[in-house]
Amino acid sequence: MYKVIVENECSCFIKSKKPYEQEFEKSFLAYMAAEEMVEYMQKEFCKRHEFKVNKSADGFTYRVEIV
C-alpha cells in the first residue's frame, strides 16, 4: 500500500475537511492524489501557505508538507 500523509496541517487544511491520510494500491495513484491536494490547497483553499510533495525514503509514502 502507498500512503499520502499531510504533515503539520495548517488551520486552513483542517478547515478544508480533506483527509490527512489516504491509502492507495498503486504508487502513481498516490502521487496523483498528493499533487491534486497540493494544487487544491494552493489555488482554491489556502492562500497563505505553499505546499509541496516529498516522497519518503522507503518509497511507499508521499508527504504533503508546508514549505
Protein backbone atom coordinates (compact mmCIF):
# COMPACT_ATOMS: atom_id res chain seq x y z
CA MET A 1 0.00 0.00 0.00
CA TYR A 2 1.09 3.53 -0.76
CA LYS A 3 0.15 6.40 1.52
CA VAL A 4 -0.38 10.13 1.20
CA ILE A 5 0.09 11.95 4.50
CA VAL A 6 -0.28 15.64 5.23
CA GLU A 7 2.33 16.71 7.76
CA ASN A 8 1.91 19.67 10.10
CA GLU A 9 -1.57 20.53 8.91
CA CYS A 10 -2.25 24.27 8.97
CA SER A 11 -5.60 25.54 10.22
CA CYS A 12 -6.64 26.10 6.59
CA PHE A 13 -6.10 22.44 5.82
CA ILE A 14 -8.05 21.37 8.89
CA LYS A 15 -10.96 23.59 7.83
CA SER A 16 -10.93 22.06 4.34
CA LYS A 17 -12.17 18.72 5.79
CA LYS A 18 -9.77 16.86 3.48
CA PRO A 19 -8.38 13.60 4.92
CA TYR A 20 -4.85 13.96 6.27
CA GLU A 21 -4.03 10.34 5.41
CA GLN A 22 -5.05 8.22 2.41
CA GLU A 23 -4.00 4.79 1.10
CA PHE A 24 -3.69 3.61 -2.49
CA GLU A 25 -2.85 0.35 -4.24
CA LYS A 26 -0.54 1.93 -6.83
CA SER A 27 2.29 4.42 -6.49
CA PHE A 28 1.15 6.66 -9.35
CA LEU A 29 -2.35 6.95 -7.82
CA ALA A 30 -0.87 8.08 -4.52
CA TYR A 31 1.37 10.60 -6.27
CA MET A 32 -1.51 11.97 -8.33
CA ALA A 33 -3.66 12.34 -5.20
CA ALA A 34 -0.85 14.18 -3.40
CA GLU A 35 -0.32 16.54 -6.34
CA GLU A 36 -4.07 17.19 -6.63
CA MET A 37 -4.21 18.02 -2.93
CA VAL A 38 -1.32 20.48 -3.27
CA GLU A 39 -2.99 22.16 -6.24
CA TYR A 40 -6.36 22.38 -4.46
CA MET A 41 -4.88 23.81 -1.28
CA GLN A 42 -2.72 26.40 -3.06
CA LYS A 43 -5.18 27.56 -5.69
CA GLU A 44 -8.61 27.19 -4.16
CA PHE A 45 -8.47 26.95 -0.40
CA CYS A 46 -5.35 28.19 1.37
CA LYS A 47 -3.88 31.42 0.07
CA ARG A 48 -1.38 31.81 2.93
CA HIS A 49 0.81 28.73 2.60
CA GLU A 50 2.69 26.89 -0.11
CA PHE A 51 2.67 23.11 -0.22
CA LYS A 52 4.93 20.53 -1.83
CA VAL A 53 5.07 16.74 -2.20
CA ASN A 54 8.02 14.73 -0.89
CA LYS A 55 8.47 11.00 -1.38
CA SER A 56 9.76 9.17 1.69
CA ALA A 57 12.96 7.15 1.66
CA ASP A 58 11.01 3.87 1.79
CA GLY A 59 9.18 4.83 -1.42
CA PHE A 60 5.75 3.99 -0.03
CA THR A 61 4.73 7.33 1.44
CA TYR A 62 4.15 10.71 -0.18
CA ARG A 63 4.23 13.57 2.31
CA VAL A 64 2.39 16.81 1.60
CA GLU A 65 4.28 19.50 3.51
CA ILE A 66 4.01 23.21 4.04
CA VAL A 67 7.01 25.00 2.52
